[in-house]
C-alpha atoms as a PDB file:
ATOM      1  CA  MET A   1     -45.961 -18.019  20.173  1.00  0.00           C
ATOM      2  CA  ALA A   2     -45.944 -21.686  19.194  1.00  0.00           C
ATOM      3  CA  ALA A   3     -48.455 -20.989  16.414  1.00  0.00           C
ATOM      4  CA  LEU A   4     -46.391 -18.075  15.147  1.00  0.00           C
ATOM      5  CA  PHE A   5     -43.235 -20.206  15.096  1.00  0.00           C
ATOM      6  CA  ARG A   6     -45.063 -23.001  13.260  1.00  0.00           C
ATOM      7  CA  ASN A   7     -46.371 -20.571  10.648  1.00  0.00           C
ATOM      8  CA  TYR A   8     -42.845 -19.228  10.193  1.00  0.00           C
ATOM      9  CA  LEU A   9     -41.432 -22.741   9.678  1.00  0.00           C
ATOM     10  CA  ASN A  10     -44.223 -23.639   7.264  1.00  0.00           C
ATOM     11  CA  GLY A  11     -43.412 -20.538   5.260  1.00  0.00           C
ATOM     12  CA  LEU A  12     -39.784 -21.635   5.011  1.00  0.00           C
ATOM     13  CA  LYS A  13     -40.841 -25.145   3.955  1.00  0.00           C
ATOM     14  CA  ARG A  14     -43.012 -23.748   1.170  1.00  0.00           C
ATOM     15  CA  VAL A  15     -40.218 -21.560  -0.137  1.00  0.00           C
ATOM     16  CA  TRP A  16     -37.855 -24.559  -0.115  1.00  0.00           C
ATOM     17  CA  ILE A  17     -40.305 -26.810  -1.978  1.00  0.00           C
ATOM     18  CA  ARG A  18     -41.031 -24.138  -4.606  1.00  0.00           C
ATOM     19  CA  HIS A  19     -37.336 -23.698  -5.326  1.00  0.00           C
ATOM     20  CA  VAL A  20     -35.944 -27.200  -4.812  1.00  0.00           C
ATOM     21  CA  GLY A  21     -38.953 -29.483  -5.202  1.00  0.00           C
ATOM     22  CA  LEU A  22     -40.006 -32.643  -3.375  1.00  0.00           C
ATOM     23  CA  SER A  23     -38.502 -36.097  -3.364  1.00  0.00           C
ATOM     24  CA  ARG A  24     -40.174 -38.732  -5.505  1.00  0.00           C
ATOM     25  CA  HIS A  25     -41.429 -40.442  -2.336  1.00  0.00           C
ATOM     26  CA  ALA A  26     -43.108 -37.222  -1.116  1.00  0.00           C
ATOM     27  CA  GLN A  27     -44.693 -36.680  -4.520  1.00  0.00           C
ATOM     28  CA  GLU A  28     -46.039 -40.232  -4.476  1.00  0.00           C
ATOM     29  CA  GLN A  29     -47.540 -39.593  -1.033  1.00  0.00           C
ATOM     30  CA  ILE A  30     -49.403 -36.583  -2.392  1.00  0.00           C
ATOM     31  CA  GLY A  31     -50.606 -38.660  -5.337  1.00  0.00           C
ATOM     32  CA  ARG A  32     -51.966 -41.355  -3.009  1.00  0.00           C
ATOM     33  CA  ARG A  33     -53.728 -38.708  -0.947  1.00  0.00           C
ATOM     34  CA  LEU A  34     -55.364 -37.072  -3.956  1.00  0.00           C
ATOM     35  CA  GLN A  35     -56.320 -40.373  -5.650  1.00  0.00           C
ATOM     36  CA  GLY A  36     -56.997 -38.548  -8.886  1.00  0.00           C
ATOM     37  CA  ARG A  37     -59.079 -35.828  -7.245  1.00  0.00           C
ATOM     38  CA  ALA A  38     -58.524 -32.116  -7.775  1.00  0.00           C
ATOM     39  CA  TYR A  39     -56.381 -30.376  -5.153  1.00  0.00           C
ATOM     40  CA  TYR A  40     -59.198 -28.027  -4.138  1.00  0.00           C
ATOM     41  CA  THR A  41     -61.343 -30.963  -3.000  1.00  0.00           C
ATOM     42  CA  MET A  42     -58.924 -31.486  -0.105  1.00  0.00           C
ATOM     43  CA  PHE A  43     -60.731 -28.908   2.005  1.00  0.00           C
ATOM     44  CA  GLU A  44     -63.106 -31.775   2.796  1.00  0.00           C
ATOM     45  CA  GLU A  45     -60.363 -33.282   4.987  1.00  0.00           C
ATOM     46  CA  ILE A  46     -60.142 -30.098   7.070  1.00  0.00           C
ATOM     47  CA  TYR A  47     -63.886 -29.961   7.677  1.00  0.00           C
ATOM     48  CA  GLN A  48     -63.894 -33.626   8.681  1.00  0.00           C
ATOM     49  CA  ALA A  49     -60.947 -33.124  11.054  1.00  0.00           C
ATOM     50  CA  ALA A  50     -62.819 -30.302  12.797  1.00  0.00           C
ATOM     51  CA  TYR A  51     -66.039 -32.279  13.169  1.00  0.00           C
ATOM     52  CA  GLN A  52     -64.251 -35.409  14.355  1.00  0.00           C
ATOM     53  CA  ALA A  53     -62.612 -33.276  17.049  1.00  0.00           C
ATOM     54  CA  GLY A  54     -66.081 -32.280  18.258  1.00  0.00           C
ATOM     55  CA  ALA A  55     -66.360 -28.830  16.692  1.00  0.00           C
ATOM     56  CA  GLN A  56     -69.775 -27.669  15.540  1.00  0.00           C
ATOM     57  CA  GLU A  57     -68.216 -25.591  12.763  1.00  0.00           C
ATOM     58  CA  LEU A  58     -64.759 -25.251  11.255  1.00  0.00           C
ATOM     59  CA  PHE A  59     -64.965 -21.468  11.087  1.00  0.00           C
ATOM     60  CA  GLY A  60     -67.538 -21.040  13.823  1.00  0.00           C
ATOM     61  CA  GLY A  61     -70.667 -18.978  14.223  1.00  0.00           C
ATOM     62  CA  PRO A  62     -72.524 -16.610  11.917  1.00  0.00           C
ATOM     63  CA  ALA A  63     -71.009 -14.625   9.071  1.00  0.00           C
ATOM     64  CA  PRO A  64     -68.325 -12.218  10.398  1.00  0.00           C
ATOM     65  CA  ARG A  65     -69.633  -8.774  11.250  1.00  0.00           C
ATOM     66  CA  ALA A  66     -67.340  -7.133   8.688  1.00  0.00           C
ATOM     67  CA  VAL A  67     -68.690  -9.413   5.948  1.00  0.00           C
ATOM     68  CA  ARG A  68     -72.276  -8.648   6.941  1.00  0.00           C
ATOM     69  CA  ARG A  69     -71.541  -4.917   6.860  1.00  0.00           C
ATOM     70  CA  THR A  70     -69.990  -5.262   3.406  1.00  0.00           C
ATOM     71  CA  ILE A  71     -73.070  -7.112   2.160  1.00  0.00           C
ATOM     72  CA  ASP A  72     -75.328  -4.472   3.680  1.00  0.00           C
ATOM     73  CA  ARG A  73     -73.370  -1.662   1.998  1.00  0.00           C
ATOM     74  CA  PHE A  74     -73.547  -3.538  -1.310  1.00  0.00           C
ATOM     75  CA  LEU A  75     -77.335  -3.726  -1.020  1.00  0.00           C
ATOM     76  CA  GLU A  76     -77.525  -0.022  -0.210  1.00  0.00           C
ATOM     77  CA  GLN A  77     -75.604   0.804  -3.386  1.00  0.00           C
ATOM     78  CA  TYR A  78     -77.235  -1.830  -5.590  1.00  0.00           C
ATOM     79  CA  PRO A  79     -80.784  -2.266  -4.223  1.00  0.00           C
ATOM     80  CA  LEU A  80     -82.128  -5.763  -4.809  1.00  0.00           C
ATOM     81  CA  LEU A  81     -85.632  -6.739  -3.713  1.00  0.00           C
ATOM     82  CA  PRO A  82     -85.483 -10.097  -1.916  1.00  0.00           C
ATOM     83  CA  VAL A  83     -88.792 -11.275  -3.356  1.00  0.00           C
ATOM     84  CA  ASP A  84     -87.476 -10.860  -6.910  1.00  0.00           C
ATOM     85  CA  THR A  85     -83.859 -11.945  -6.414  1.00  0.00           C
ATOM     86  CA  GLN A  86     -82.312 -15.371  -6.919  1.00  0.00           C
ATOM     87  CA  VAL A  87     -78.952 -15.541  -5.112  1.00  0.00           C
ATOM     88  CA  ILE A  88     -76.091 -18.030  -5.405  1.00  0.00           C
ATOM     89  CA  ASP A  89     -73.236 -18.339  -2.907  1.00  0.00           C
ATOM     90  CA  PHE A  90     -70.227 -19.897  -4.658  1.00  0.00           C
ATOM     91  CA  GLY A  91     -68.128 -21.959  -2.237  1.00  0.00           C
ATOM     92  CA  CYS A  92     -70.637 -21.432   0.566  1.00  0.00           C
ATOM     93  CA  GLY A  93     -68.824 -23.658   3.088  1.00  0.00           C
ATOM     94  CA  GLU A  94     -70.874 -24.067   6.246  1.00  0.00           C
ATOM     95  CA  GLY A  95     -73.523 -21.678   4.976  1.00  0.00           C
ATOM     96  CA  ALA A  96     -73.107 -18.657   7.261  1.00  0.00           C
ATOM     97  CA  VAL A  97     -73.482 -16.072   4.491  1.00  0.00           C
ATOM     98  CA  ALA A  98     -76.225 -18.020   2.710  1.00  0.00           C
ATOM     99  CA  VAL A  99     -78.237 -18.235   5.941  1.00  0.00           C
ATOM    100  CA  TYR A 100     -77.737 -14.523   6.611  1.00  0.00           C
ATOM    101  CA  LEU A 101     -79.180 -13.661   3.196  1.00  0.00           C
ATOM    102  CA  ALA A 102     -82.051 -16.152   3.530  1.00  0.00           C
ATOM    103  CA  GLN A 103     -82.987 -14.525   6.835  1.00  0.00           C
ATOM    104  CA  ARG A 104     -83.230 -11.256   4.939  1.00  0.00           C
ATOM    105  CA  GLY A 105     -85.784 -12.798   2.606  1.00  0.00           C
ATOM    106  CA  PHE A 106     -83.657 -13.750  -0.408  1.00  0.00           C
ATOM    107  CA  SER A 107     -84.045 -17.039  -2.275  1.00  0.00           C
ATOM    108  CA  VAL A 108     -80.565 -18.528  -1.852  1.00  0.00           C
ATOM    109  CA  THR A 109     -78.668 -21.445  -3.369  1.00  0.00           C
ATOM    110  CA  GLY A 110     -75.366 -22.429  -1.766  1.00  0.00           C
ATOM    111  CA  VAL A 111     -72.849 -24.625  -3.576  1.00  0.00           C
ATOM    112  CA  ASP A 112     -69.661 -26.215  -2.241  1.00  0.00           C
ATOM    113  CA  ILE A 113     -67.395 -29.135  -3.159  1.00  0.00           C
ATOM    114  CA  SER A 114     -67.332 -30.391   0.446  1.00  0.00           C
ATOM    115  CA  ALA A 115     -70.123 -32.795   1.396  1.00  0.00           C
ATOM    116  CA  ALA A 116     -69.215 -32.415   5.070  1.00  0.00           C
ATOM    117  CA  ALA A 117     -69.519 -28.622   4.893  1.00  0.00           C
ATOM    118  CA  ILE A 118     -72.859 -28.791   3.071  1.00  0.00           C
ATOM    119  CA  SER A 119     -74.222 -31.248   5.630  1.00  0.00           C
ATOM    120  CA  ARG A 120     -73.259 -28.857   8.419  1.00  0.00           C
ATOM    121  CA  ALA A 121     -74.694 -25.906   6.456  1.00  0.00           C
ATOM    122  CA  GLN A 122     -78.048 -27.688   6.262  1.00  0.00           C
ATOM    123  CA  THR A 123     -77.985 -28.139  10.032  1.00  0.00           C
ATOM    124  CA  VAL A 124     -77.114 -24.455  10.547  1.00  0.00           C
ATOM    125  CA  ALA A 125     -79.995 -23.405   8.275  1.00  0.00           C
ATOM    126  CA  ARG A 126     -82.504 -25.624  10.096  1.00  0.00           C
ATOM    127  CA  ARG A 127     -81.472 -24.210  13.467  1.00  0.00           C
ATOM    128  CA  ALA A 128     -81.849 -20.687  12.115  1.00  0.00           C
ATOM    129  CA  GLN A 129     -85.197 -21.599  10.517  1.00  0.00           C
ATOM    130  CA  ALA A 130     -83.826 -20.352   7.207  1.00  0.00           C
ATOM    131  CA  VAL A 131     -84.622 -21.899   3.830  1.00  0.00           C
ATOM    132  CA  VAL A 132     -81.499 -22.358   1.694  1.00  0.00           C
ATOM    133  CA  HIS A 133     -81.043 -24.709  -1.251  1.00  0.00           C
ATOM    134  CA  PHE A 134     -77.658 -26.318  -0.655  1.00  0.00           C
ATOM    135  CA  ARG A 135     -75.884 -28.455  -3.262  1.00  0.00           C
ATOM    136  CA  VAL A 136     -72.686 -30.503  -3.181  1.00  0.00           C
ATOM    137  CA  THR A 137     -71.119 -29.550  -6.483  1.00  0.00           C
ATOM    138  CA  ASP A 138     -67.880 -28.394  -8.048  1.00  0.00           C
ATOM    139  CA  ALA A 139     -67.748 -24.614  -8.499  1.00  0.00           C
ATOM    140  CA  LEU A 140     -65.665 -25.243 -11.637  1.00  0.00           C
ATOM    141  CA  ASP A 141     -68.430 -27.370 -13.157  1.00  0.00           C
ATOM    142  CA  LEU A 142     -71.956 -26.215 -12.338  1.00  0.00           C
ATOM    143  CA  GLN A 143     -73.632 -28.052 -15.231  1.00  0.00           C
ATOM    144  CA  GLU A 144     -76.452 -29.255 -12.991  1.00  0.00           C
ATOM    145  CA  LEU A 145     -77.491 -25.609 -12.655  1.00  0.00           C
ATOM    146  CA  PRO A 146     -79.228 -23.943 -15.616  1.00  0.00           C
ATOM    147  CA  GLY A 147     -77.644 -20.954 -17.298  1.00  0.00           C
ATOM    148  CA  ALA A 148     -78.779 -17.370 -16.690  1.00  0.00           C
ATOM    149  CA  ARG A 149     -80.636 -18.265 -13.477  1.00  0.00           C
ATOM    150  CA  PHE A 150     -79.274 -15.982 -10.744  1.00  0.00           C
ATOM    151  CA  ASP A 151     -79.629 -12.238 -10.205  1.00  0.00           C
ATOM    152  CA  TRP A 152     -76.862 -11.972  -7.628  1.00  0.00           C
ATOM    153  CA  GLY A 153     -73.776 -14.064  -6.946  1.00  0.00           C
ATOM    154  CA  LEU A 154     -71.363 -14.027  -4.016  1.00  0.00           C
ATOM    155  CA  ASN A 155     -67.828 -15.369  -4.068  1.00  0.00           C
ATOM    156  CA  ILE A 156     -66.471 -15.015  -0.547  1.00  0.00           C
ATOM    157  CA  GLY A 157     -63.211 -16.877  -0.083  1.00  0.00           C
ATOM    158  CA  CYS A 158     -63.770 -19.289  -2.966  1.00  0.00           C
ATOM    159  CA  LEU A 159     -61.649 -17.889  -5.799  1.00  0.00           C
ATOM    160  CA  HIS A 160     -58.526 -17.562  -3.656  1.00  0.00           C
ATOM    161  CA  MET A 161     -58.640 -21.314  -2.940  1.00  0.00           C
ATOM    162  CA  ILE A 162     -58.183 -22.052  -6.656  1.00  0.00           C
ATOM    163  CA  VAL A 163     -54.576 -22.020  -7.838  1.00  0.00           C
ATOM    164  CA  ARG A 164     -54.138 -23.027 -11.463  1.00  0.00           C
ATOM    165  CA  ASP A 165     -54.846 -20.368 -14.106  1.00  0.00           C
ATOM    166  CA  GLU A 166     -57.036 -22.699 -16.142  1.00  0.00           C
ATOM    167  CA  ASP A 167     -59.055 -23.660 -13.048  1.00  0.00           C
ATOM    168  CA  ARG A 168     -59.651 -20.022 -12.126  1.00  0.00           C
ATOM    169  CA  ARG A 169     -60.811 -19.288 -15.672  1.00  0.00           C
ATOM    170  CA  ARG A 170     -63.229 -22.251 -15.585  1.00  0.00           C
ATOM    171  CA  HIS A 171     -64.601 -21.119 -12.229  1.00  0.00           C
ATOM    172  CA  LEU A 172     -65.171 -17.543 -13.408  1.00  0.00           C
ATOM    173  CA  LYS A 173     -66.733 -18.721 -16.672  1.00  0.00           C
ATOM    174  CA  GLU A 174     -69.139 -20.961 -14.757  1.00  0.00           C
ATOM    175  CA  MET A 175     -70.084 -18.048 -12.517  1.00  0.00           C
ATOM    176  CA  TRP A 176     -70.738 -15.974 -15.638  1.00  0.00           C
ATOM    177  CA  ARG A 177     -72.819 -18.765 -17.197  1.00  0.00           C
ATOM    178  CA  VAL A 178     -75.260 -19.194 -14.317  1.00  0.00           C
ATOM    179  CA  MET A 179     -75.750 -15.450 -13.784  1.00  0.00           C
ATOM    180  CA  LYS A 180     -78.553 -13.593 -15.574  1.00  0.00           C
ATOM    181  CA  PRO A 181     -77.541 -10.886 -18.057  1.00  0.00           C
ATOM    182  CA  GLY A 182     -76.890  -7.802 -15.978  1.00  0.00           C
ATOM    183  CA  GLY A 183     -76.661  -9.914 -12.820  1.00  0.00           C
ATOM    184  CA  LEU A 184     -74.539  -8.540  -9.984  1.00  0.00           C
ATOM    185  CA  LEU A 185     -71.562 -10.196  -8.312  1.00  0.00           C
ATOM    186  CA  LEU A 186     -69.895  -9.509  -4.963  1.00  0.00           C
ATOM    187  CA  SER A 187     -66.415 -11.005  -4.531  1.00  0.00           C
ATOM    188  CA  ILE A 188     -64.358 -10.931  -1.321  1.00  0.00           C
ATOM    189  CA  ASN A 189     -61.045 -12.740  -1.734  1.00  0.00           C
ATOM    190  CA  GLU A 190     -57.607 -12.343  -0.192  1.00  0.00           C
ATOM    191  CA  LEU A 191     -55.487  -9.574  -1.646  1.00  0.00           C
ATOM    192  CA  ALA A 192     -51.790  -9.611  -2.498  1.00  0.00           C
ATOM    193  CA  ARG A 193     -49.800  -6.386  -2.245  1.00  0.00           C
ATOM    194  CA  ARG A 194     -48.221  -7.040  -5.642  1.00  0.00           C
ATOM    195  CA  ALA A 195     -48.942  -9.226  -8.651  1.00  0.00           C
ATOM    196  CA  VAL A 196     -48.573 -12.976  -8.049  1.00  0.00           C
ATOM    197  CA  HIS A 197     -46.925 -15.009 -10.809  1.00  0.00           C
ATOM    198  CA  ILE A 198     -46.547 -18.779 -10.380  1.00  0.00           C
ATOM    199  CA  LYS A 199     -43.754 -20.205 -12.525  1.00  0.00           C
ATOM    200  CA  ASP A 200     -44.302 -23.859 -11.607  1.00  0.00           C
ATOM    201  CA  PRO A 201     -47.928 -24.594 -10.551  1.00  0.00           C
ATOM    202  CA  ASP A 202     -47.105 -28.206  -9.612  1.00  0.00           C
ATOM    203  CA  ARG A 203     -44.394 -27.232  -7.143  1.00  0.00           C
ATOM    204  CA  TYR A 204     -46.507 -24.360  -5.858  1.00  0.00           C
ATOM    205  CA  LEU A 205     -49.372 -26.747  -5.052  1.00  0.00           C
ATOM    206  CA  GLN A 206     -47.004 -29.293  -3.546  1.00  0.00           C
ATOM    207  CA  SER A 207     -45.737 -26.596  -1.191  1.00  0.00           C
ATOM    208  CA  PHE A 208     -49.201 -26.613   0.378  1.00  0.00           C
ATOM    209  CA  LEU A 209     -50.182 -30.263   0.022  1.00  0.00           C
ATOM    210  CA  ALA A 210     -46.960 -31.551   1.627  1.00  0.00           C
ATOM    211  CA  VAL A 211     -46.966 -29.237   4.671  1.00  0.00           C
ATOM    212  CA  ASP A 212     -48.627 -30.029   8.012  1.00  0.00           C
ATOM    213  CA  GLU A 213     -50.982 -27.307   9.239  1.00  0.00           C
ATOM    214  CA  ALA A 214     -52.860 -26.704  12.485  1.00  0.00           C
ATOM    215  CA  LYS A 215     -55.916 -24.682  13.423  1.00  0.00           C
ATOM    216  CA  GLN A 216     -57.746 -23.925  16.668  1.00  0.00           C
ATOM    217  CA  VAL A 217     -61.451 -24.822  16.640  1.00  0.00           C
ATOM    218  CA  ASP A 218     -64.165 -24.272  19.250  1.00  0.00           C
ATOM    219  CA  VAL A 219     -65.164 -27.432  21.122  1.00  0.00           C
ATOM    220  CA  ALA A 220     -67.496 -27.355  24.142  1.00  0.00           C
ATOM    221  CA  GLY A 221     -66.528 -23.844  25.153  1.00  0.00           C
ATOM    222  CA  GLY A 222     -62.803 -24.405  24.735  1.00  0.00           C
ATOM    223  CA  LYS A 223     -60.191 -24.518  22.008  1.00  0.00           C
ATOM    224  CA  VAL A 224     -58.860 -27.695  20.410  1.00  0.00           C
ATOM    225  CA  ALA A 225     -56.083 -27.863  17.824  1.00  0.00           C
ATOM    226  CA  ILE A 226     -56.714 -29.908  14.705  1.00  0.00           C
ATOM    227  CA  GLU A 227     -53.941 -30.952  12.332  1.00  0.00           C
ATOM    228  CA  TYR A 228     -54.210 -31.486   8.604  1.00  0.00           C
ATOM    229  CA  LYS A 229     -52.282 -31.242   5.360  1.00  0.00           C
ATOM    230  CA  GLY A 230     -52.486 -27.920   3.569  1.00  0.00           C
ATOM    231  CA  VAL A 231     -54.566 -27.130   0.501  1.00  0.00           C
ATOM    232  CA  GLY A 232     -53.881 -24.787  -2.380  1.00  0.00           C
ATOM    233  CA  PHE A 233     -54.193 -21.051  -1.877  1.00  0.00           C
ATOM    234  CA  ARG A 234     -53.533 -18.132  -4.213  1.00  0.00           C
ATOM    235  CA  ARG A 235     -53.846 -14.430  -3.578  1.00  0.00           C
ATOM    236  CA  ALA A 236     -53.908 -11.890  -6.417  1.00  0.00           C
ATOM    237  CA  SER A 237     -53.372  -8.167  -6.765  1.00  0.00           C
ATOM    238  CA  THR A 238     -56.215  -5.732  -7.427  1.00  0.00           C
ATOM    239  CA  ALA A 239     -55.193  -5.466 -11.080  1.00  0.00           C
ATOM    240  CA  GLN A 240     -55.054  -9.264 -11.442  1.00  0.00           C
ATOM    241  CA  TYR A 241     -58.502  -9.803  -9.914  1.00  0.00           C
ATOM    242  CA  ARG A 242     -59.940  -7.049 -12.103  1.00  0.00           C
ATOM    243  CA  ARG A 243     -58.409  -8.587 -15.238  1.00  0.00           C
ATOM    244  CA  GLU A 244     -59.675 -12.075 -14.361  1.00  0.00           C
ATOM    245  CA  PHE A 245     -63.262 -10.884 -13.934  1.00  0.00           C
ATOM    246  CA  GLU A 246     -63.171  -8.724 -17.042  1.00  0.00           C
ATOM    247  CA  ASP A 247     -61.730 -11.554 -19.138  1.00  0.00           C
ATOM    248  CA  ALA A 248     -64.596 -13.780 -17.930  1.00  0.00           C
ATOM    249  CA  GLY A 249     -67.198 -11.280 -19.185  1.00  0.00           C
ATOM    250  CA  PHE A 250     -67.886  -9.116 -16.132  1.00  0.00           C
ATOM    251  CA  ASP A 251     -67.876  -5.333 -15.930  1.00  0.00           C
ATOM    252  CA  VAL A 252     -66.024  -4.417 -12.725  1.00  0.00           C
ATOM    253  CA  LEU A 253     -68.023  -1.651 -11.058  1.00  0.00           C
ATOM    254  CA  LYS A 254     -66.003  -1.045  -7.904  1.00  0.00           C
ATOM    255  CA  THR A 255     -63.098  -2.344  -5.834  1.00  0.00           C
ATOM    256  CA  GLU A 256     -61.997  -1.569  -2.290  1.00  0.00           C
ATOM    257  CA  ILE A 257     -59.626  -3.017   0.293  1.00  0.00           C
ATOM    258  CA  PHE A 258     -61.191  -4.788   3.249  1.00  0.00           C
ATOM    259  CA  ARG A 259     -60.017  -6.291   6.555  1.00  0.00           C
ATOM    260  CA  LEU A 260     -61.988  -8.853   8.536  1.00  0.00           C
ATOM    261  CA  GLU A 261     -61.215  -6.973  11.745  1.00  0.00           C
ATOM    262  CA  PRO A 262     -59.703  -3.594  12.652  1.00  0.00           C
ATOM    263  CA  LEU A 263     -56.036  -3.352  13.592  1.00  0.00           C
ATOM    264  CA  TRP A 264     -56.725  -2.671  17.287  1.00  0.00           C
ATOM    265  CA  ARG A 265     -58.809  -5.870  17.542  1.00  0.00           C
ATOM    266  CA  GLN A 266     -56.044  -7.914  15.923  1.00  0.00           C
ATOM    267  CA  VAL A 267     -53.636  -6.717  18.600  1.00  0.00           C
ATOM    268  CA  MET A 268     -56.117  -7.386  21.436  1.00  0.00           C
ATOM    269  CA  ARG A 269     -57.064 -10.858  20.177  1.00  0.00           C
ATOM    270  CA  ARG A 270     -53.788 -12.148  18.728  1.00  0.00           C
ATOM    271  CA  GLY A 271     -51.166  -9.907  20.274  1.00  0.00           C
ATOM    272  CA  MET A 272     -49.923  -9.063  16.789  1.00  0.00           C
ATOM    273  CA  LEU A 273     -50.817  -7.306  13.558  1.00  0.00           C
ATOM    274  CA  SER A 274     -51.824  -9.329  10.521  1.00  0.00           C
ATOM    275  CA  ASN A 275     -51.088  -8.298   6.972  1.00  0.00           C
ATOM    276  CA  GLN A 276     -54.173 -10.207   5.786  1.00  0.00           C
ATOM    277  CA  ARG A 277     -56.248  -8.023   3.505  1.00  0.00           C
ATOM    278  CA  PHE A 278     -59.107  -8.783   1.137  1.00  0.00           C
ATOM    279  CA  LEU A 279     -60.379  -7.178  -2.026  1.00  0.00           C
ATOM    280  CA  VAL A 280     -64.063  -6.351  -2.280  1.00  0.00           C
ATOM    281  CA  LEU A 281     -64.949  -6.419  -5.962  1.00  0.00           C
ATOM    282  CA  CYS A 282     -68.395  -5.557  -7.313  1.00  0.00           C
ATOM    283  CA  ALA A 283     -69.175  -6.557 -10.886  1.00  0.00           C
ATOM    284  CA  ARG A 284     -71.968  -7.003 -13.388  1.00  0.00           C
ATOM    285  CA  LYS A 285     -72.400  -9.713 -16.024  1.00  0.00           C
ATOM    286  CA  LEU A 286     -72.030  -8.461 -19.566  1.00  0.00           C
ATOM    287  CA  LEU A 287     -73.618 -10.001 -22.627  1.00  0.00           C
ATOM    288  CA  PRO A 288     -71.201 -11.723 -25.066  1.00  0.00           C
ATOM    289  CA  GLY A 289     -69.510  -9.176 -27.276  1.00  0.00           C
ATOM    290  CA  HIS A 290     -70.605  -6.250 -25.124  1.00  0.00           C
ATOM    291  CA  GLN A 291     -67.864  -3.913 -23.895  1.00  0.00           C
ATOM    292  CA  PRO A 292     -68.210  -1.921 -20.660  1.00  0.00           C
END
């Protein structure tokens, strides 16, 4: 109940900040925290808070069963031979999905902005005896990767962490650039029930960066709460996601709504229903000037 009440209060704080704004002092605090860095780099602080508390992983364990099933269904519909397929996991975090695919025989590259997450991902891969090429790099600027290299890309929970329109466009364009012509993409990002329009991106971001958050992590068989400042987050509707990918040069092949866990399990585990839904979007890279 305490977590529910805190989430409720945080929601009210965000609404207040988006409508009224922050004091100059609070804005200066955010500026000192960022130190010129992009807002989406702040996820590094959350990973570090979890590890300093003694957690092995921030999110814990292998890729969720529902995500694995979605990947498996994707491969049934769009057969890719592991021996011939170069895969990239955009925003790979602690590497759970990348390791899962490497264990299936794919050649996998995982990229993430968080050095702490990539370090932990390398440890996870070694323990699983899986070979994954992990890189600490900005998913909005993948210039160290050559163009047209990958046959299959995955974006699982990366795009919805990027808020500004121009940043989302850069991210999608970089995904397009490193994919081979005709390369396939699987996106799983959080879904909004209606279109999301942000009138003031600065205030919207401040409504996350100025709010204290908490999360339970697994430590030595028990649960420990870690506290941290929020980071940016932006859902989109099905139509908005589709438009973003199409504008970046992808042909959207399929979309479907997805939940990480069934409703009955939410009730058993949390004692409540969650309205959290994700959009599974399958797409293919088009050549410049080519229309689907």
